[in-house]
Amino acid sequence: MRRRGWTRWAGLLGLAGMIGGAAPTPVQRSGIWRPPSGLRQEPIWPGAAPDMAAAGRSAEHSETSINPQRFAGRPVTGVFDVTAPTITVFPAKGIASHAAMLVFPGGGFQMLAIDLEGSEACDWLTARGIVCILVKYRVPNSNHHWDPVCKCAVTPKRLLALQDAQRAIRLVRSRAATLRIDPHRIGVIGFSAGGYLVAQTSNILTPAYRPVDAIDRVSSRPDLAVALYPGHLCRAGATLDPGIHVSARTPPTLLVQAWDDPTDPICNSIVYARALDEAGVPAEVHLFGKGGHAFALRRTGLAVDGWTGLLERWLKDNRFL
């Protein structure tokens, strides 16, 4: 199990592996991921999450690794085998903007880069007065993904990650008064596979699951959307995923990606940007020459490090700050 988990982790985040005889970076395995001290995870479903098989699931665990050549030489933690999705609320600091952002970490719908593309984004947002909600959605194989067995892309019948993302947005909006946020100023930000969830929640407004309670009568449409190096959008012939139907109801969107991304080519941002333009949706697109994949909020020494300043300006332009 450790080797299998390591292989997935290495392939998804580009950590050192058994290449050319090099020893893999040591990985520390632990149990269920826990949020930072003082914060609490909450289940997003009133009971068991929908459409889950009764058996055959491994227990959730996390793996932490350090690769001095990537991610600023700091630890990165991946969460695997999530069957009980949760949200963790990070309260705003300083002067509250009364806006909220849900964060969808990436990981190819195989795992979740929970700190690199999750809690660290929340730290940035809360420092600017935005309530941040970190979504731990179900993995693996919970949405469109690469299957190493058939060596092909697979779209499962039930999009479990989308179900969790929609439910999380509804749950947050239903608690707007308690969270002291404006129910019409709720945005989403996602990285890689999480960026695909941003596009899905922005355009798939009908429930991806059978409603379970009154919360499911609340809108799941985000009011603002940010996708960092999104994947899964560019399909055969450089066309947009046919399941994404961009319309005038799609929220204003910011796209950020590096031209040299070896994991998710810039075609993903380009085809989506073109669809946003054709639908008349306000959008802003930043394509950096270098930065690779999974640069997130850690310093690379490249121009791509400036993307957070562009995000901050854009959030102000859209009255989220």
C-alpha atoms as a PDB file:
ATOM      1  CA  MET A   1       0.000   0.000   0.000  1.00  0.00           C
ATOM      2  CA  ARG A   2       2.846   2.371   0.796  1.00  0.00           C
ATOM      3  CA  ARG A   3       4.489   1.738  -2.559  1.00  0.00           C
ATOM      4  CA  ARG A   4       1.192   2.132  -4.410  1.00  0.00           C
ATOM      5  CA  GLY A   5       0.439   5.355  -2.546  1.00  0.00           C
ATOM      6  CA  TRP A   6       3.960   6.609  -3.217  1.00  0.00           C
ATOM      7  CA  THR A   7       3.638   5.868  -6.932  1.00  0.00           C
ATOM      8  CA  ARG A   8       0.406   7.843  -7.221  1.00  0.00           C
ATOM      9  CA  TRP A   9       1.828  10.715  -5.181  1.00  0.00           C
ATOM     10  CA  ALA A  10       5.034  10.839  -7.228  1.00  0.00           C
ATOM     11  CA  GLY A  11       3.183  10.733 -10.538  1.00  0.00           C
ATOM     12  CA  LEU A  12       0.700  13.424  -9.614  1.00  0.00           C
ATOM     13  CA  LEU A  13       2.987  15.955  -7.995  1.00  0.00           C
ATOM     14  CA  GLY A  14       6.283  15.144  -9.705  1.00  0.00           C
ATOM     15  CA  LEU A  15       8.213  14.171  -6.595  1.00  0.00           C
ATOM     16  CA  ALA A  16      11.485  12.259  -6.905  1.00  0.00           C
ATOM     17  CA  GLY A  17      10.982   8.616  -7.761  1.00  0.00           C
ATOM     18  CA  MET A  18      12.771   5.473  -8.817  1.00  0.00           C
ATOM     19  CA  ILE A  19      14.184   7.076 -11.950  1.00  0.00           C
ATOM     20  CA  GLY A  20      17.684   6.257 -13.126  1.00  0.00           C
ATOM     21  CA  GLY A  21      18.353   4.355  -9.919  1.00  0.00           C
ATOM     22  CA  ALA A  22      17.623   7.361  -7.686  1.00  0.00           C
ATOM     23  CA  ALA A  23      16.066   6.511  -4.352  1.00  0.00           C
ATOM     24  CA  PRO A  24      12.563   7.872  -3.737  1.00  0.00           C
ATOM     25  CA  THR A  25      12.043  10.751  -1.355  1.00  0.00           C
ATOM     26  CA  PRO A  26      11.059   9.345   2.071  1.00  0.00           C
ATOM     27  CA  VAL A  27       7.331   9.466   2.709  1.00  0.00           C
ATOM     28  CA  GLN A  28       5.757   9.659   6.140  1.00  0.00           C
ATOM     29  CA  ARG A  29       2.361   8.001   6.282  1.00  0.00           C
ATOM     30  CA  SER A  30      -0.324   8.904   8.820  1.00  0.00           C
ATOM     31  CA  GLY A  31      -4.066   8.496   9.320  1.00  0.00           C
ATOM     32  CA  ILE A  32      -6.966  10.785   8.542  1.00  0.00           C
ATOM     33  CA  TRP A  33      -5.889  14.320   7.690  1.00  0.00           C
ATOM     34  CA  ARG A  34      -6.469  16.828  10.468  1.00  0.00           C
ATOM     35  CA  PRO A  35      -6.832  20.589   9.948  1.00  0.00           C
ATOM     36  CA  PRO A  36      -4.592  23.130  11.695  1.00  0.00           C
ATOM     37  CA  SER A  37      -5.011  23.517  15.442  1.00  0.00           C
ATOM     38  CA  GLY A  38      -8.177  25.311  16.470  1.00  0.00           C
ATOM     39  CA  LEU A  39     -10.110  24.415  13.319  1.00  0.00           C
ATOM     40  CA  ARG A  40     -12.664  21.659  12.881  1.00  0.00           C
ATOM     41  CA  GLN A  41     -13.706  19.504   9.948  1.00  0.00           C
ATOM     42  CA  GLU A  42     -17.437  19.155   9.365  1.00  0.00           C
ATOM     43  CA  PRO A  43     -19.140  16.516   7.221  1.00  0.00           C
ATOM     44  CA  ILE A  44     -20.921  17.989   4.221  1.00  0.00           C
ATOM     45  CA  TRP A  45     -23.587  15.295   4.086  1.00  0.00           C
ATOM     46  CA  PRO A  46     -26.122  14.566   6.882  1.00  0.00           C
ATOM     47  CA  GLY A  47     -25.303  10.846   6.613  1.00  0.00           C
ATOM     48  CA  ALA A  48     -23.166   8.749   4.324  1.00  0.00           C
ATOM     49  CA  ALA A  49     -22.158  10.447   1.087  1.00  0.00           C
ATOM     50  CA  PRO A  50     -24.330   9.400  -1.875  1.00  0.00           C
ATOM     51  CA  ASP A  51     -23.496   6.725  -4.445  1.00  0.00           C
ATOM     52  CA  MET A  52     -20.794   5.058  -2.372  1.00  0.00           C
ATOM     53  CA  ALA A  53     -20.175   1.336  -2.760  1.00  0.00           C
ATOM     54  CA  ALA A  54     -20.913  -0.598   0.412  1.00  0.00           C
ATOM     55  CA  ALA A  55     -17.489  -2.238   0.474  1.00  0.00           C
ATOM     56  CA  GLY A  56     -14.118  -2.319  -1.200  1.00  0.00           C
ATOM     57  CA  ARG A  57     -12.852   1.076  -0.043  1.00  0.00           C
ATOM     58  CA  SER A  58      -9.522   1.644   1.673  1.00  0.00           C
ATOM     59  CA  ALA A  59      -9.312   3.755   4.808  1.00  0.00           C
ATOM     60  CA  GLU A  60      -8.378   7.414   4.385  1.00  0.00           C
ATOM     61  CA  HIS A  61      -4.748   8.226   5.013  1.00  0.00           C
ATOM     62  CA  SER A  62      -2.252  10.988   4.286  1.00  0.00           C
ATOM     63  CA  GLU A  63       1.337  10.965   3.077  1.00  0.00           C
ATOM     64  CA  THR A  64       3.884  13.725   3.629  1.00  0.00           C
ATOM     65  CA  SER A  65       7.078  14.062   1.631  1.00  0.00           C
ATOM     66  CA  ILE A  66       9.909  16.538   1.115  1.00  0.00           C
ATOM     67  CA  ASN A  67      11.556  17.106  -2.248  1.00  0.00           C
ATOM     68  CA  PRO A  68      14.273  19.794  -1.942  1.00  0.00           C
ATOM     69  CA  GLN A  69      14.118  20.373  -5.705  1.00  0.00           C
ATOM     70  CA  ARG A  70      10.422  21.244  -5.719  1.00  0.00           C
ATOM     71  CA  PHE A  71       7.829  23.105  -3.690  1.00  0.00           C
ATOM     72  CA  ALA A  72      10.430  25.410  -2.120  1.00  0.00           C
ATOM     73  CA  GLY A  73      11.960  22.381  -0.380  1.00  0.00           C
ATOM     74  CA  ARG A  74       9.084  22.279   2.086  1.00  0.00           C
ATOM     75  CA  PRO A  75       6.877  19.307   3.003  1.00  0.00           C
ATOM     76  CA  VAL A  76       3.832  18.518   0.906  1.00  0.00           C
ATOM     77  CA  THR A  77       0.950  16.380   2.130  1.00  0.00           C
ATOM     78  CA  GLY A  78      -1.430  14.324   0.026  1.00  0.00           C
ATOM     79  CA  VAL A  79      -4.695  12.837   1.261  1.00  0.00           C
ATOM     80  CA  PHE A  80      -5.800   9.494  -0.187  1.00  0.00           C
ATOM     81  CA  ASP A  81      -8.957   7.383  -0.169  1.00  0.00           C
ATOM     82  CA  VAL A  82     -11.423  10.013   1.047  1.00  0.00           C
ATOM     83  CA  THR A  83     -14.886   8.510   1.565  1.00  0.00           C
ATOM     84  CA  ALA A  84     -16.261  10.989   4.126  1.00  0.00           C
ATOM     85  CA  PRO A  85     -15.997  14.455   2.519  1.00  0.00           C
ATOM     86  CA  THR A  86     -15.703  17.494   4.769  1.00  0.00           C
ATOM     87  CA  ILE A  87     -15.335  21.250   4.886  1.00  0.00           C
ATOM     88  CA  THR A  88     -13.018  23.176   7.192  1.00  0.00           C
ATOM     89  CA  VAL A  89     -13.815  26.851   7.783  1.00  0.00           C
ATOM     90  CA  PHE A  90     -10.849  29.213   8.108  1.00  0.00           C
ATOM     91  CA  PRO A  91     -12.177  32.484   9.641  1.00  0.00           C
ATOM     92  CA  ALA A  92     -11.248  35.821   8.099  1.00  0.00           C
ATOM     93  CA  LYS A  93      -8.528  37.853   9.794  1.00  0.00           C
ATOM     94  CA  GLY A  94      -8.405  41.610  10.243  1.00  0.00           C
ATOM     95  CA  ILE A  95     -11.077  43.637   8.483  1.00  0.00           C
ATOM     96  CA  ALA A  96     -13.687  41.202   7.175  1.00  0.00           C
ATOM     97  CA  SER A  97     -14.758  41.540   3.555  1.00  0.00           C
ATOM     98  CA  HIS A  98     -17.909  39.446   4.203  1.00  0.00           C
ATOM     99  CA  ALA A  99     -16.991  37.350   1.171  1.00  0.00           C
ATOM    100  CA  ALA A 100     -16.111  33.648   1.138  1.00  0.00           C
ATOM    101  CA  MET A 101     -14.076  31.377  -1.124  1.00  0.00           C
ATOM    102  CA  LEU A 102     -14.245  27.592  -1.273  1.00  0.00           C
ATOM    103  CA  VAL A 103     -10.930  25.926  -2.116  1.00  0.00           C
ATOM    104  CA  PHE A 104     -10.750  22.736  -4.197  1.00  0.00           C
ATOM    105  CA  PRO A 105      -7.256  21.154  -3.991  1.00  0.00           C
ATOM    106  CA  GLY A 106      -5.866  19.295  -6.983  1.00  0.00           C
ATOM    107  CA  GLY A 107      -4.545  15.766  -7.324  1.00  0.00           C
ATOM    108  CA  GLY A 108      -5.938  14.287 -10.546  1.00  0.00           C
ATOM    109  CA  PHE A 109      -9.021  13.004  -8.685  1.00  0.00           C
ATOM    110  CA  GLN A 110      -6.686  10.381  -7.197  1.00  0.00           C
ATOM    111  CA  MET A 111      -5.619  12.277  -4.068  1.00  0.00           C
ATOM    112  CA  LEU A 112      -5.757  15.795  -2.626  1.00  0.00           C
ATOM    113  CA  ALA A 113      -2.766  18.153  -2.330  1.00  0.00           C
ATOM    114  CA  ILE A 114      -4.307  19.332   0.906  1.00  0.00           C
ATOM    115  CA  ASP A 115      -1.672  21.860   2.042  1.00  0.00           C
ATOM    116  CA  LEU A 116       0.071  22.973  -1.168  1.00  0.00           C
ATOM    117  CA  GLU A 117      -3.251  23.630  -2.928  1.00  0.00           C
ATOM    118  CA  GLY A 118      -5.550  23.839   0.063  1.00  0.00           C
ATOM    119  CA  SER A 119      -4.704  25.188   3.493  1.00  0.00           C
ATOM    120  CA  GLU A 120      -1.973  27.485   2.129  1.00  0.00           C
ATOM    121  CA  ALA A 121      -4.525  29.124  -0.182  1.00  0.00           C
ATOM    122  CA  CYS A 122      -6.788  29.586   2.833  1.00  0.00           C
ATOM    123  CA  ASP A 123      -3.976  31.292   4.745  1.00  0.00           C
ATOM    124  CA  TRP A 124      -3.580  33.763   1.869  1.00  0.00           C
ATOM    125  CA  LEU A 125      -7.310  34.439   1.581  1.00  0.00           C
ATOM    126  CA  THR A 126      -8.040  34.840   5.291  1.00  0.00           C
ATOM    127  CA  ALA A 127      -5.151  37.303   5.646  1.00  0.00           C
ATOM    128  CA  ARG A 128      -7.131  39.499   3.246  1.00  0.00           C
ATOM    129  CA  GLY A 129     -10.398  39.317   5.164  1.00  0.00           C
ATOM    130  CA  ILE A 130     -12.035  36.501   3.164  1.00  0.00           C
ATOM    131  CA  VAL A 131     -13.590  33.510   4.899  1.00  0.00           C
ATOM    132  CA  CYS A 132     -12.024  30.397   3.382  1.00  0.00           C
ATOM    133  CA  ILE A 133     -13.621  26.963   3.214  1.00  0.00           C
ATOM    134  CA  LEU A 134     -11.294  24.057   2.437  1.00  0.00           C
ATOM    135  CA  VAL A 135     -13.170  21.224   0.736  1.00  0.00           C
ATOM    136  CA  LYS A 136     -11.920  17.657   1.243  1.00  0.00           C
ATOM    137  CA  TYR A 137     -13.838  15.907  -1.516  1.00  0.00           C
ATOM    138  CA  ARG A 138     -13.952  12.224  -2.356  1.00  0.00           C
ATOM    139  CA  VAL A 139     -11.074  10.485  -4.144  1.00  0.00           C
ATOM    140  CA  PRO A 140      -9.923   8.390  -5.974  1.00  0.00           C
ATOM    141  CA  ASN A 141     -11.557   8.049  -9.414  1.00  0.00           C
ATOM    142  CA  SER A 142     -14.300  10.478  -8.379  1.00  0.00           C
ATOM    143  CA  ASN A 143     -14.419  12.462 -11.628  1.00  0.00           C
ATOM    144  CA  HIS A 144     -12.815  12.442 -15.094  1.00  0.00           C
ATOM    145  CA  HIS A 145      -9.375  10.849 -14.608  1.00  0.00           C
ATOM    146  CA  TRP A 146      -6.550   8.911 -16.209  1.00  0.00           C
ATOM    147  CA  ASP A 147      -6.811   5.151 -15.775  1.00  0.00           C
ATOM    148  CA  PRO A 148      -3.354   3.486 -15.869  1.00  0.00           C
ATOM    149  CA  VAL A 149      -4.916   0.070 -16.515  1.00  0.00           C
ATOM    150  CA  CYS A 150      -6.560   0.940 -19.829  1.00  0.00           C
ATOM    151  CA  LYS A 151      -4.143   3.840 -20.365  1.00  0.00           C
ATOM    152  CA  CYS A 152      -7.075   6.045 -21.210  1.00  0.00           C
ATOM    153  CA  ALA A 153      -9.189   8.829 -19.742  1.00  0.00           C
ATOM    154  CA  VAL A 154     -12.305   7.663 -17.937  1.00  0.00           C
ATOM    155  CA  THR A 155     -15.432   9.555 -16.918  1.00  0.00           C
ATOM    156  CA  PRO A 156     -17.265   7.644 -14.166  1.00  0.00           C
ATOM    157  CA  LYS A 157     -21.041   7.348 -14.206  1.00  0.00           C
ATOM    158  CA  ARG A 158     -21.297   9.179 -10.895  1.00  0.00           C
ATOM    159  CA  LEU A 159     -19.221  12.352 -10.466  1.00  0.00           C
ATOM    160  CA  LEU A 160     -18.647  12.067  -6.739  1.00  0.00           C
ATOM    161  CA  ALA A 161     -16.227  14.993  -6.512  1.00  0.00           C
ATOM    162  CA  LEU A 162     -18.744  17.256  -8.273  1.00  0.00           C
ATOM    163  CA  GLN A 163     -21.465  16.093  -5.902  1.00  0.00           C
ATOM    164  CA  ASP A 164     -19.281  17.108  -2.954  1.00  0.00           C
ATOM    165  CA  ALA A 165     -18.347  20.453  -4.513  1.00  0.00           C
ATOM    166  CA  GLN A 166     -21.969  21.368  -5.235  1.00  0.00           C
ATOM    167  CA  ARG A 167     -23.070  20.301  -1.768  1.00  0.00           C
ATOM    168  CA  ALA A 168     -20.253  22.283  -0.126  1.00  0.00           C
ATOM    169  CA  ILE A 169     -21.274  25.483  -1.929  1.00  0.00           C
ATOM    170  CA  ARG A 170     -24.906  24.991  -0.939  1.00  0.00           C
ATOM    171  CA  LEU A 171     -23.922  24.278   2.658  1.00  0.00           C
ATOM    172  CA  VAL A 172     -21.820  27.433   2.906  1.00  0.00           C
ATOM    173  CA  ARG A 173     -24.516  29.591   1.312  1.00  0.00           C
ATOM    174  CA  SER A 174     -27.132  28.164   3.680  1.00  0.00           C
ATOM    175  CA  ARG A 175     -24.912  29.222   6.603  1.00  0.00           C
ATOM    176  CA  ALA A 176     -24.192  32.721   5.314  1.00  0.00           C
ATOM    177  CA  ALA A 177     -25.674  34.430   8.377  1.00  0.00           C
ATOM    178  CA  THR A 178     -23.706  32.258  10.807  1.00  0.00           C
ATOM    179  CA  LEU A 179     -20.483  32.745   8.848  1.00  0.00           C
ATOM    180  CA  ARG A 180     -21.199  36.498   8.551  1.00  0.00           C
ATOM    181  CA  ILE A 181     -20.819  36.489   4.789  1.00  0.00           C
ATOM    182  CA  ASP A 182     -22.873  37.835   1.926  1.00  0.00           C
ATOM    183  CA  PRO A 183     -24.673  34.871   0.268  1.00  0.00           C
ATOM    184  CA  HIS A 184     -24.139  36.608  -3.073  1.00  0.00           C
ATOM    185  CA  ARG A 185     -20.360  36.868  -2.615  1.00  0.00           C
ATOM    186  CA  ILE A 186     -19.306  33.246  -2.501  1.00  0.00           C
ATOM    187  CA  GLY A 187     -16.506  32.247  -4.862  1.00  0.00           C
ATOM    188  CA  VAL A 188     -14.543  29.121  -5.723  1.00  0.00           C
ATOM    189  CA  ILE A 189     -10.830  28.640  -6.358  1.00  0.00           C
ATOM    190  CA  GLY A 190      -9.295  25.379  -7.526  1.00  0.00           C
ATOM    191  CA  PHE A 191      -5.946  23.998  -8.590  1.00  0.00           C
ATOM    192  CA  SER A 192      -5.404  21.443 -11.385  1.00  0.00           C
ATOM    193  CA  ALA A 193      -8.231  18.896 -10.946  1.00  0.00           C
ATOM    194  CA  GLY A 194      -9.720  21.412  -8.514  1.00  0.00           C
ATOM    195  CA  GLY A 195      -9.692  23.914 -11.372  1.00  0.00           C
ATOM    196  CA  TYR A 196     -11.856  21.488 -13.315  1.00  0.00           C
ATOM    197  CA  LEU A 197     -14.285  21.459 -10.380  1.00  0.00           C
ATOM    198  CA  VAL A 198     -14.323  25.256 -10.612  1.00  0.00           C
ATOM    199  CA  ALA A 199     -15.457  25.006 -14.260  1.00  0.00           C
ATOM    200  CA  GLN A 200     -17.992  22.301 -13.451  1.00  0.00           C
ATOM    201  CA  THR A 201     -19.606  24.139 -10.530  1.00  0.00           C
ATOM    202  CA  SER A 202     -19.632  27.329 -12.604  1.00  0.00           C
ATOM    203  CA  ASN A 203     -21.634  25.709 -15.400  1.00  0.00           C
ATOM    204  CA  ILE A 204     -23.395  22.579 -14.089  1.00  0.00           C
ATOM    205  CA  LEU A 205     -26.149  24.093 -11.993  1.00  0.00           C
ATOM    206  CA  THR A 206     -28.494  21.107 -11.767  1.00  0.00           C
ATOM    207  CA  PRO A 207     -27.754  18.760  -8.855  1.00  0.00           C
ATOM    208  CA  ALA A 208     -25.343  15.926  -9.653  1.00  0.00           C
ATOM    209  CA  TYR A 209     -27.075  13.903  -6.931  1.00  0.00           C
ATOM    210  CA  ARG A 210     -30.543  13.271  -5.568  1.00  0.00           C
ATOM    211  CA  PRO A 211     -31.431  16.024  -3.047  1.00  0.00           C
ATOM    212  CA  VAL A 212     -31.177  14.871   0.563  1.00  0.00           C
ATOM    213  CA  ASP A 213     -32.525  17.827   2.576  1.00  0.00           C
ATOM    214  CA  ALA A 214     -33.581  21.488   2.434  1.00  0.00           C
ATOM    215  CA  ILE A 215     -30.000  22.652   1.872  1.00  0.00           C
ATOM    216  CA  ASP A 216     -30.185  21.171  -1.614  1.00  0.00           C
ATOM    217  CA  ARG A 217     -32.778  23.788  -2.549  1.00  0.00           C
ATOM    218  CA  VAL A 218     -30.064  26.448  -2.174  1.00  0.00           C
ATOM    219  CA  SER A 219     -28.139  27.500  -5.288  1.00  0.00           C
ATOM    220  CA  SER A 220     -24.753  25.861  -5.932  1.00  0.00           C
ATOM    221  CA  ARG A 221     -23.694  28.518  -8.446  1.00  0.00           C
ATOM    222  CA  PRO A 222     -20.557  30.370  -7.327  1.00  0.00           C
ATOM    223  CA  ASP A 223     -20.508  34.156  -7.720  1.00  0.00           C
ATOM    224  CA  LEU A 224     -16.836  34.229  -8.723  1.00  0.00           C
ATOM    225  CA  ALA A 225     -14.433  31.599 -10.053  1.00  0.00           C
ATOM    226  CA  VAL A 226     -10.644  31.186 -10.078  1.00  0.00           C
ATOM    227  CA  ALA A 227      -8.964  28.246 -11.830  1.00  0.00           C
ATOM    228  CA  LEU A 228      -5.237  27.622 -11.474  1.00  0.00           C
ATOM    229  CA  TYR A 229      -3.630  25.392 -14.126  1.00  0.00           C
ATOM    230  CA  PRO A 230      -6.932  23.531 -14.690  1.00  0.00           C
ATOM    231  CA  GLY A 231      -6.981  20.073 -16.199  1.00  0.00           C
ATOM    232  CA  HIS A 232      -9.566  17.812 -17.872  1.00  0.00           C
ATOM    233  CA  LEU A 233     -11.124  20.673 -19.890  1.00  0.00           C
ATOM    234  CA  CYS A 234      -9.234  20.215 -23.183  1.00  0.00           C
ATOM    235  CA  ARG A 235     -10.454  17.161 -25.050  1.00  0.00           C
ATOM    236  CA  ALA A 236      -9.782  15.547 -28.431  1.00  0.00           C
ATOM    237  CA  GLY A 237      -9.111  18.048 -31.192  1.00  0.00           C
ATOM    238  CA  ALA A 238      -8.410  20.826 -28.679  1.00  0.00           C
ATOM    239  CA  THR A 239     -12.117  21.162 -27.931  1.00  0.00           C
ATOM    240  CA  LEU A 240     -13.836  21.934 -24.638  1.00  0.00           C
ATOM    241  CA  ASP A 241     -15.186  19.110 -22.505  1.00  0.00           C
ATOM    242  CA  PRO A 242     -18.708  18.527 -23.911  1.00  0.00           C
ATOM    243  CA  GLY A 243     -20.090  18.388 -20.374  1.00  0.00           C
ATOM    244  CA  ILE A 244     -19.225  22.056 -19.800  1.00  0.00           C
ATOM    245  CA  HIS A 245     -21.850  24.387 -21.288  1.00  0.00           C
ATOM    246  CA  VAL A 246     -20.729  27.973 -20.723  1.00  0.00           C
ATOM    247  CA  SER A 247     -23.544  30.531 -20.681  1.00  0.00           C
ATOM    248  CA  ALA A 248     -24.347  34.054 -19.553  1.00  0.00           C
ATOM    249  CA  ARG A 249     -24.947  32.583 -16.083  1.00  0.00           C
ATOM    250  CA  THR A 250     -21.323  31.465 -15.744  1.00  0.00           C
ATOM    251  CA  PRO A 251     -19.664  33.649 -13.079  1.00  0.00           C
ATOM    252  CA  PRO A 252     -16.754  36.016 -13.768  1.00  0.00           C
ATOM    253  CA  THR A 253     -13.626  33.887 -14.040  1.00  0.00           C
ATOM    254  CA  LEU A 254      -9.863  34.249 -13.602  1.00  0.00           C
ATOM    255  CA  LEU A 255      -7.554  31.709 -15.270  1.00  0.00           C
ATOM    256  CA  VAL A 256      -3.839  31.291 -14.471  1.00  0.00           C
ATOM    257  CA  GLN A 257      -1.475  28.772 -16.056  1.00  0.00           C
ATOM    258  CA  ALA A 258       2.137  28.334 -17.141  1.00  0.00           C
ATOM    259  CA  TRP A 259       2.999  27.819 -20.812  1.00  0.00           C
ATOM    260  CA  ASP A 260       5.442  25.049 -19.937  1.00  0.00           C
ATOM    261  CA  ASP A 261       3.003  23.047 -17.799  1.00  0.00           C
ATOM    262  CA  PRO A 262       3.942  19.384 -18.469  1.00  0.00           C
ATOM    263  CA  THR A 263       0.867  17.949 -16.744  1.00  0.00           C
ATOM    264  CA  ASP A 264      -2.076  20.057 -17.903  1.00  0.00           C
ATOM    265  CA  PRO A 265      -1.287  21.859 -21.197  1.00  0.00           C
ATOM    266  CA  ILE A 266      -2.389  25.457 -21.630  1.00  0.00           C
ATOM    267  CA  CYS A 267      -5.054  24.177 -24.035  1.00  0.00           C
ATOM    268  CA  ASN A 268      -7.171  23.669 -20.921  1.00  0.00           C
ATOM    269  CA  SER A 269      -7.206  27.385 -20.136  1.00  0.00           C
ATOM    270  CA  ILE A 270      -7.390  28.456 -23.776  1.00  0.00           C
ATOM    271  CA  VAL A 271     -10.457  26.407 -24.760  1.00  0.00           C
ATOM    272  CA  TYR A 272     -12.273  27.483 -21.608  1.00  0.00           C
ATOM    273  CA  ALA A 273     -11.325  31.137 -22.097  1.00  0.00           C
ATOM    274  CA  ARG A 274     -12.632  30.978 -25.659  1.00  0.00           C
ATOM    275  CA  ALA A 275     -15.964  29.593 -24.438  1.00  0.00           C
ATOM    276  CA  LEU A 276     -16.191  32.297 -21.765  1.00  0.00           C
ATOM    277  CA  ASP A 277     -15.570  34.946 -24.404  1.00  0.00           C
ATOM    278  CA  GLU A 278     -18.185  33.544 -26.770  1.00  0.00           C
ATOM    279  CA  ALA A 279     -20.757  33.539 -23.950  1.00  0.00           C
ATOM    280  CA  GLY A 280     -19.928  37.104 -22.950  1.00  0.00           C
ATOM    281  CA  VAL A 281     -18.677  36.114 -19.491  1.00  0.00           C
ATOM    282  CA  PRO A 282     -16.249  38.612 -17.889  1.00  0.00           C
ATOM    283  CA  ALA A 283     -12.901  36.842 -17.688  1.00  0.00           C
ATOM    284  CA  GLU A 284      -9.220  37.490 -17.168  1.00  0.00           C
ATOM    285  CA  VAL A 285      -6.483  35.130 -18.359  1.00  0.00           C
ATOM    286  CA  HIS A 286      -2.799  35.061 -17.374  1.00  0.00           C
ATOM    287  CA  LEU A 287      -0.461  32.643 -19.174  1.00  0.00           C
ATOM    288  CA  PHE A 288       3.097  32.739 -17.822  1.00  0.00           C
ATOM    289  CA  GLY A 289       6.056  31.556 -19.860  1.00  0.00           C
ATOM    290  CA  LYS A 290       7.498  29.390 -17.099  1.00  0.00           C
ATOM    291  CA  GLY A 291       6.211  27.846 -13.919  1.00  0.00           C
ATOM    292  CA  GLY A 292       5.408  24.255 -14.713  1.00  0.00           C
ATOM    293  CA  HIS A 293       2.626  22.573 -12.800  1.00  0.00           C
ATOM    294  CA  ALA A 294       1.548  22.846  -9.161  1.00  0.00           C
ATOM    295  CA  PHE A 295       3.384  26.106  -8.456  1.00  0.00           C
ATOM    296  CA  ALA A 296       0.521  27.110  -6.171  1.00  0.00           C
ATOM    297  CA  LEU A 297       1.536  29.816  -3.663  1.00  0.00           C
ATOM    298  CA  ARG A 298       5.131  28.752  -3.031  1.00  0.00           C
ATOM    299  CA  ARG A 299       7.951  30.867  -4.395  1.00  0.00           C
ATOM    300  CA  THR A 300       9.625  29.647  -7.579  1.00  0.00           C
ATOM    301  CA  GLY A 301      11.815  32.660  -8.353  1.00  0.00           C
ATOM    302  CA  LEU A 302       9.942  33.056 -11.653  1.00  0.00           C
ATOM    303  CA  ALA A 303       7.509  35.674 -12.893  1.00  0.00           C
ATOM    304  CA  VAL A 304       4.640  33.293 -12.129  1.00  0.00           C
ATOM    305  CA  ASP A 305       5.128  34.170  -8.449  1.00  0.00           C
ATOM    306  CA  GLY A 306       3.279  37.397  -9.239  1.00  0.00           C
ATOM    307  CA  TRP A 307      -0.040  35.669  -9.885  1.00  0.00           C
ATOM    308  CA  THR A 308      -1.301  36.306  -6.348  1.00  0.00           C
ATOM    309  CA  GLY A 309      -0.917  40.059  -6.848  1.00  0.00           C
ATOM    310  CA  LEU A 310      -3.000  39.781 -10.015  1.00  0.00           C
ATOM    311  CA  LEU A 311      -5.586  37.781  -8.096  1.00  0.00           C
ATOM    312  CA  GLU A 312      -5.759  40.392  -5.354  1.00  0.00           C
ATOM    313  CA  ARG A 313      -6.317  43.180  -7.874  1.00  0.00           C
ATOM    314  CA  TRP A 314      -8.994  41.122  -9.646  1.00  0.00           C
ATOM    315  CA  LEU A 315     -10.784  40.368  -6.378  1.00  0.00           C
ATOM    316  CA  LYS A 316     -10.890  44.104  -5.649  1.00  0.00           C
ATOM    317  CA  ASP A 317     -12.220  44.801  -9.131  1.00  0.00           C
ATOM    318  CA  ASN A 318     -14.993  42.308  -8.476  1.00  0.00           C
ATOM    319  CA  ARG A 319     -15.800  43.664  -5.010  1.00  0.00           C
ATOM    320  CA  PHE A 320     -14.604  40.604  -3.096  1.00  0.00           C
ATOM    321  CA  LEU A 321     -12.089  42.814  -1.275  1.00  0.00           C
END
